[in-house]
Amino acid sequence: MAMSSTNTAQLPLLELDTLRILVAIADTGNFSAAAEAVFRTPSAVSMQVKKTEEMIGRPLFHRDSRSVTATPDGDLLVQHGRRMLALNREIMSQFVTPDISGVVRLGAPDDLAERLLPDMLCRFASSFCGVTVDVVVESSTKLMARVRDKSLDLAMITCDPNVRQNKEVEIIFREPLTWAGARNGVAYEKKPLPVSVWEEGCAWRNAGLKSLQDAKRQYRIAFMSAHISGQRAAILADLAIAPIPVSACTNGIISLDEKHGLPPLRDYALGMVLANNPSKPVQAAAMHLRESFAAQVIPAFKQICGA
């Protein structure tokens, strides 16, 4: 029993700062963005990773020219690291009163809520433990109305960056749309072309149908869904093609273009809308969303596009 205690005492200790760096690398996918997130230099981040790998005796990340991905051992360490950092926040919140506290009522379209928002809100909670964020998922048209009637404090909406927006809409991200189809699918060859879209007012729908009309391509609306999961189901079943963001073409869904006889699509944008006289928690949430797109989403998108 004494020998066991001695051996345990000799085990190396992982510092919370080290775990914070490893989690940041896993979240951002590269050392430079992680360095910005933890306010260190890229060389300091690389040195800390090397030091940890030597301590553990196993590689934690696979590195290539475009991205960094965790090894199975790295994944395990990051998972435990998240729990330890969360426990640290919980302990310290009992002694340190947060500077900003309150509730933020946030609206978001389905695609953003599914793909990007969870990670952003997790990081926001790490920095603002006294702020609770309540999320409503709705269409962009309805979200705009809810901000105006003050039932929401803040909303992210999809919009057309080529059309002049209301002064209340702040564009914080734009991305190309593409026609998406199933890998090895044949839906794009059918006449009339089967298309999956949502209701009028949707930026993706407007861009897709306008491009077909301009190209004088016959089409039919074969599938309608307000959710990106529904759109993906229609595409994967080869029931239709759909106009969706380039970054959403994953897991059996590919981008279709002129080689497939389809007209090009315009970009779409994500805009931010705030209610009048936003509180400090709302201002903090808005700033966090801006910074998240600038620091994580936009660099990741450039990697996808090979920019």
Protein backbone atom coordinates (compact mmCIF):
# COMPACT_ATOMS: atom_id res chain seq x y z
CA MET A 1 0.00 0.00 0.00
CA ALA A 2 2.84 2.39 0.84
CA MET A 3 4.56 1.53 -2.44
CA SER A 4 1.37 2.40 -4.36
CA SER A 5 1.13 5.79 -2.65
CA THR A 6 4.76 6.53 -3.46
CA ASN A 7 4.31 5.64 -7.12
CA THR A 8 1.19 7.79 -7.37
CA ALA A 9 2.98 10.76 -5.83
CA GLN A 10 5.70 10.46 -8.47
CA LEU A 11 3.29 10.77 -11.39
CA PRO A 12 3.81 14.03 -13.32
CA LEU A 13 1.18 16.74 -12.94
CA LEU A 14 -0.57 18.33 -15.90
CA GLU A 15 -1.02 22.07 -15.48
CA LEU A 16 -4.34 23.69 -16.31
CA ASP A 17 -2.59 26.10 -18.69
CA THR A 18 -1.25 23.13 -20.61
CA LEU A 19 -4.72 21.60 -20.86
CA ARG A 20 -6.12 24.93 -21.98
CA ILE A 21 -3.59 25.01 -24.83
CA LEU A 22 -4.38 21.45 -25.91
CA VAL A 23 -8.12 22.14 -25.92
CA ALA A 24 -7.57 25.33 -27.93
CA ILE A 25 -5.59 23.40 -30.56
CA ALA A 26 -8.33 20.79 -30.82
CA ASP A 27 -10.99 23.50 -31.16
CA THR A 28 -9.22 25.67 -33.73
CA GLY A 29 -7.41 23.03 -35.77
CA ASN A 30 -4.09 24.87 -35.92
CA PHE A 31 -1.38 26.17 -33.63
CA SER A 32 -1.55 29.82 -34.72
CA ALA A 33 -5.26 30.22 -33.99
CA ALA A 34 -4.83 28.34 -30.71
CA ALA A 35 -1.98 30.70 -29.75
CA GLU A 36 -4.26 33.70 -30.32
CA ALA A 37 -7.01 32.08 -28.26
CA VAL A 38 -4.75 31.53 -25.24
CA PHE A 39 -2.66 34.71 -25.70
CA ARG A 40 0.60 32.90 -26.38
CA THR A 41 2.99 32.88 -29.32
CA PRO A 42 2.80 29.95 -31.79
CA SER A 43 6.32 28.91 -30.82
CA ALA A 44 5.33 28.79 -27.13
CA VAL A 45 2.30 26.64 -28.00
CA SER A 46 4.46 24.27 -30.08
CA MET A 47 7.00 24.02 -27.27
CA GLN A 48 4.28 23.20 -24.72
CA VAL A 49 2.86 20.47 -26.96
CA LYS A 50 6.32 18.97 -27.45
CA LYS A 51 6.96 19.07 -23.70
CA THR A 52 3.64 17.34 -22.98
CA GLU A 53 4.25 14.68 -25.63
CA GLU A 54 7.64 13.95 -24.07
CA MET A 55 6.04 13.72 -20.62
CA ILE A 56 3.39 11.29 -21.82
CA GLY A 57 5.62 9.45 -24.27
CA ARG A 58 3.06 9.54 -27.09
CA PRO A 59 2.19 11.92 -29.94
CA LEU A 60 -0.90 14.05 -29.29
CA PHE A 61 -1.49 15.64 -32.71
CA HIS A 62 -1.09 14.78 -36.37
CA ARG A 63 0.32 17.77 -38.24
CA ASP A 64 0.22 18.57 -41.95
CA SER A 65 0.59 21.73 -44.01
CA ARG A 66 -3.08 22.73 -43.63
CA SER A 67 -4.38 21.50 -40.29
CA VAL A 68 -3.74 19.77 -37.00
CA THR A 69 -5.85 16.84 -35.79
CA ALA A 70 -5.68 15.00 -32.49
CA THR A 71 -4.41 11.44 -32.24
CA PRO A 72 -6.53 8.96 -30.22
CA ASP A 73 -4.30 9.70 -27.21
CA GLY A 74 -4.67 13.42 -27.89
CA ASP A 75 -8.46 13.06 -28.04
CA LEU A 76 -8.45 11.28 -24.69
CA LEU A 77 -6.31 13.98 -23.08
CA VAL A 78 -8.44 16.78 -24.55
CA GLN A 79 -11.64 15.15 -23.24
CA HIS A 80 -10.22 14.92 -19.74
CA GLY A 81 -8.83 18.42 -20.10
CA ARG A 82 -12.26 19.85 -20.87
CA ARG A 83 -13.65 18.25 -17.70
CA MET A 84 -10.79 19.55 -15.55
CA LEU A 85 -11.13 23.09 -16.95
CA ALA A 86 -14.89 22.99 -16.39
CA LEU A 87 -14.33 21.82 -12.80
CA ASN A 88 -11.85 24.65 -12.28
CA ARG A 89 -14.42 27.19 -13.55
CA GLU A 90 -17.06 25.72 -11.26
CA ILE A 91 -14.78 25.94 -8.22
CA MET A 92 -13.58 29.48 -8.92
CA SER A 93 -17.11 30.73 -9.62
CA GLN A 94 -17.87 30.03 -5.96
CA PHE A 95 -15.28 32.63 -4.91
CA VAL A 96 -15.03 35.12 -7.77
CA THR A 97 -18.09 37.22 -8.63
CA PRO A 98 -18.32 37.61 -12.42
CA ASP A 99 -18.00 41.14 -13.80
CA ILE A 100 -20.90 40.53 -16.19
CA SER A 101 -23.99 38.48 -15.39
CA GLY A 102 -27.46 38.09 -16.80
CA VAL A 103 -29.41 36.36 -19.57
CA VAL A 104 -28.98 36.67 -23.34
CA ARG A 105 -31.86 35.59 -25.58
CA LEU A 106 -30.17 34.55 -28.81
CA GLY A 107 -31.82 33.56 -32.08
CA ALA A 108 -30.10 31.53 -34.80
CA PRO A 109 -30.99 29.73 -38.04
CA ASP A 110 -30.95 25.96 -38.04
CA ASP A 111 -27.68 25.54 -39.95
CA LEU A 112 -25.72 27.78 -37.61
CA ALA A 113 -27.29 26.18 -34.52
CA GLU A 114 -26.31 22.72 -35.72
CA ARG A 115 -22.81 23.26 -37.09
CA LEU A 116 -21.15 26.22 -35.40
CA LEU A 117 -23.07 27.64 -32.46
CA PRO A 118 -22.51 24.88 -29.85
CA ASP A 119 -18.73 25.31 -29.90
CA MET A 120 -19.01 29.11 -29.85
CA LEU A 121 -21.36 29.07 -26.86
CA CYS A 122 -19.13 26.61 -25.02
CA ARG A 123 -16.19 29.00 -25.34
CA PHE A 124 -18.39 31.95 -24.35
CA ALA A 125 -19.45 30.12 -21.18
CA SER A 126 -15.77 29.63 -20.33
CA SER A 127 -15.17 33.39 -20.41
CA PHE A 128 -18.51 34.60 -19.02
CA CYS A 129 -19.62 32.08 -16.43
CA GLY A 130 -22.19 34.53 -15.05
CA VAL A 131 -24.09 34.85 -18.33
CA THR A 132 -26.82 32.39 -19.35
CA VAL A 133 -27.62 32.12 -23.06
CA ASP A 134 -31.09 30.94 -24.09
CA VAL A 135 -31.25 29.95 -27.78
CA VAL A 136 -34.22 30.04 -30.16
CA VAL A 137 -33.88 28.31 -33.55
CA GLU A 138 -36.10 29.84 -36.24
CA SER A 139 -36.13 31.12 -39.81
CA SER A 140 -34.24 34.37 -40.43
CA THR A 141 -37.44 36.27 -41.24
CA LYS A 142 -39.02 35.31 -37.92
CA LEU A 143 -35.82 36.02 -36.01
CA MET A 144 -35.69 39.55 -37.39
CA ALA A 145 -39.27 40.12 -36.25
CA ARG A 146 -38.52 38.79 -32.77
CA VAL A 147 -35.54 41.13 -32.34
CA ARG A 148 -37.72 44.06 -33.39
CA ASP A 149 -40.47 43.17 -30.92
CA LYS A 150 -37.78 42.65 -28.24
CA SER A 151 -38.58 39.02 -27.51
CA LEU A 152 -34.97 38.34 -28.55
CA ASP A 153 -31.88 40.35 -27.61
CA LEU A 154 -29.68 39.21 -30.46
CA ALA A 155 -30.05 37.14 -33.62
CA MET A 156 -27.89 35.69 -36.36
CA ILE A 157 -29.65 35.64 -39.73
CA THR A 158 -28.85 34.45 -43.25
CA CYS A 159 -28.99 37.12 -45.92
CA ASP A 160 -27.83 38.08 -49.41
CA PRO A 161 -24.64 40.19 -49.22
CA ASN A 162 -25.26 41.40 -52.77
CA VAL A 163 -28.45 43.15 -51.70
CA ARG A 164 -28.41 46.27 -49.57
CA GLN A 165 -29.38 45.30 -46.01
CA ASN A 166 -31.17 47.29 -43.34
CA LYS A 167 -28.75 49.39 -41.29
CA GLU A 168 -29.50 47.18 -38.28
CA VAL A 169 -27.91 44.14 -39.99
CA GLU A 170 -24.15 43.75 -39.46
CA ILE A 171 -22.54 41.29 -41.89
CA ILE A 172 -19.93 39.24 -40.02
CA PHE A 173 -19.35 36.30 -42.37
CA ARG A 174 -19.92 35.39 -46.00
CA GLU A 175 -19.44 32.10 -47.80
CA PRO A 176 -20.08 30.73 -51.30
CA LEU A 177 -23.16 28.63 -51.87
CA THR A 178 -22.90 25.56 -54.06
CA TRP A 179 -25.22 23.03 -55.59
CA ALA A 180 -24.90 19.93 -53.43
CA GLY A 181 -25.62 16.38 -54.52
CA ALA A 182 -25.01 12.83 -53.37
CA ARG A 183 -21.65 11.32 -54.20
CA ASN A 184 -22.24 9.16 -57.30
CA GLY A 185 -25.82 10.47 -57.42
CA VAL A 186 -27.81 11.19 -60.60
CA ALA A 187 -30.43 13.68 -59.38
CA TYR A 188 -28.65 16.55 -61.14
CA GLU A 189 -29.17 14.77 -64.52
CA LYS A 190 -32.96 14.63 -64.24
CA LYS A 191 -35.35 16.86 -66.17
CA PRO A 192 -36.92 18.87 -64.74
CA LEU A 193 -34.22 19.27 -62.11
CA PRO A 194 -35.41 18.14 -58.63
CA VAL A 195 -34.50 20.81 -56.08
CA SER A 196 -34.72 20.92 -52.30
CA VAL A 197 -35.29 24.37 -50.77
CA TRP A 198 -37.23 26.07 -48.00
CA GLU A 199 -39.77 28.89 -47.86
CA GLU A 200 -39.64 32.23 -49.65
CA GLY A 201 -37.31 34.68 -47.95
CA CYS A 202 -34.58 32.06 -47.43
CA ALA A 203 -31.28 33.40 -48.84
CA TRP A 204 -30.25 29.93 -50.04
CA ARG A 205 -33.57 29.40 -51.85
CA ASN A 206 -33.49 32.82 -53.48
CA ALA A 207 -29.95 32.35 -54.77
CA GLY A 208 -30.60 28.83 -56.06
CA LEU A 209 -33.87 29.46 -57.86
CA LYS A 210 -32.68 32.74 -59.34
CA SER A 211 -29.62 31.05 -60.83
CA LEU A 212 -31.83 28.38 -62.45
CA GLN A 213 -34.26 30.96 -63.78
CA ASP A 214 -31.43 33.07 -65.20
CA ALA A 215 -30.02 29.95 -66.89
CA LYS A 216 -33.52 29.04 -68.14
CA ARG A 217 -33.15 25.61 -66.53
CA GLN A 218 -36.40 23.79 -65.82
CA TYR A 219 -36.79 22.62 -62.25
CA ARG A 220 -39.32 21.39 -59.73
CA ILE A 221 -39.32 21.73 -55.96
CA ALA A 222 -39.12 18.09 -54.97
CA PHE A 223 -38.37 18.47 -51.26
CA MET A 224 -38.96 21.17 -48.66
CA SER A 225 -37.37 21.30 -45.22
CA ALA A 226 -36.64 24.11 -42.79
CA HIS A 227 -33.72 22.14 -41.33
CA ILE A 228 -30.27 21.44 -42.73
CA SER A 229 -30.65 17.83 -41.57
CA GLY A 230 -33.71 17.50 -43.81
CA GLN A 231 -31.85 19.01 -46.74
CA ARG A 232 -28.98 16.60 -46.20
CA ALA A 233 -31.38 13.65 -46.06
CA ALA A 234 -32.92 14.61 -49.41
CA ILE A 235 -29.48 15.01 -50.98
CA LEU A 236 -28.09 11.74 -49.61
CA ALA A 237 -31.20 9.85 -50.80
CA ASP A 238 -30.54 11.34 -54.26
CA LEU A 239 -34.06 12.76 -54.29
CA ALA A 240 -32.87 16.26 -55.11
CA ILE A 241 -29.97 18.66 -55.18
CA ALA A 242 -29.92 21.75 -52.98
CA PRO A 243 -28.17 25.11 -52.68
CA ILE A 244 -26.18 24.96 -49.43
CA PRO A 245 -22.88 26.40 -48.11
CA VAL A 246 -19.67 24.90 -49.47
CA SER A 247 -18.56 23.97 -45.95
CA ALA A 248 -21.67 21.82 -45.50
CA CYS A 249 -20.60 19.44 -48.29
CA THR A 250 -19.32 16.59 -46.12
CA ASN A 251 -20.00 12.90 -45.41
CA GLY A 252 -21.22 11.76 -48.81
CA ILE A 253 -22.36 15.15 -50.09
CA ILE A 254 -20.32 16.77 -52.86
CA SER A 255 -20.26 20.16 -54.56
CA LEU A 256 -21.70 20.27 -58.08
CA ASP A 257 -20.80 22.94 -60.64
CA GLU A 258 -20.74 23.82 -64.33
CA LYS A 259 -19.24 20.41 -65.17
CA HIS A 260 -22.54 18.95 -64.00
CA GLY A 261 -24.55 21.41 -66.07
CA LEU A 262 -25.46 23.65 -63.16
CA PRO A 263 -25.22 27.44 -63.03
CA PRO A 264 -22.94 29.14 -60.46
CA LEU A 265 -24.39 30.48 -57.22
CA ARG A 266 -23.76 33.71 -55.36
CA ASP A 267 -22.41 33.98 -51.84
CA TYR A 268 -24.65 34.10 -48.84
CA ALA A 269 -23.91 35.94 -45.61
CA LEU A 270 -24.56 35.70 -41.91
CA GLY A 271 -25.71 38.93 -40.38
CA MET A 272 -26.04 39.96 -36.75
CA VAL A 273 -28.99 41.97 -35.45
CA LEU A 274 -29.16 43.48 -31.95
CA ALA A 275 -32.16 44.89 -30.17
CA ASN A 276 -32.00 48.55 -29.17
CA ASN A 277 -30.01 49.43 -26.06
CA PRO A 278 -28.31 46.03 -25.61
CA SER A 279 -27.24 45.11 -22.08
CA LYS A 280 -23.63 44.35 -21.17
CA PRO A 281 -24.19 40.57 -21.41
CA VAL A 282 -25.71 41.02 -24.90
CA GLN A 283 -22.80 43.22 -25.98
CA ALA A 284 -20.36 40.60 -24.66
CA ALA A 285 -22.15 37.82 -26.58
CA ALA A 286 -22.18 39.88 -29.77
CA MET A 287 -18.46 40.60 -29.49
CA HIS A 288 -17.73 36.94 -28.84
CA LEU A 289 -19.61 35.92 -32.00
CA ARG A 290 -17.72 38.47 -34.07
CA GLU A 291 -14.39 37.28 -32.71
CA SER A 292 -15.30 33.61 -33.15
CA PHE A 293 -16.01 34.09 -36.85
CA ALA A 294 -12.87 36.16 -37.33
CA ALA A 295 -10.56 33.83 -35.38
CA GLN A 296 -11.97 30.36 -36.01
CA VAL A 297 -14.65 30.12 -38.69
CA ILE A 298 -13.12 32.26 -41.42
CA PRO A 299 -9.62 30.64 -41.23
CA ALA A 300 -11.24 27.18 -41.19
CA PHE A 301 -13.30 28.05 -44.26
CA LYS A 302 -10.18 29.22 -46.09
CA GLN A 303 -8.60 25.84 -45.38
CA ILE A 304 -11.64 24.06 -46.84
CA CYS A 305 -11.43 26.17 -50.00
CA GLY A 306 -7.65 25.84 -50.21
CA ALA A 307 -7.25 29.61 -50.01
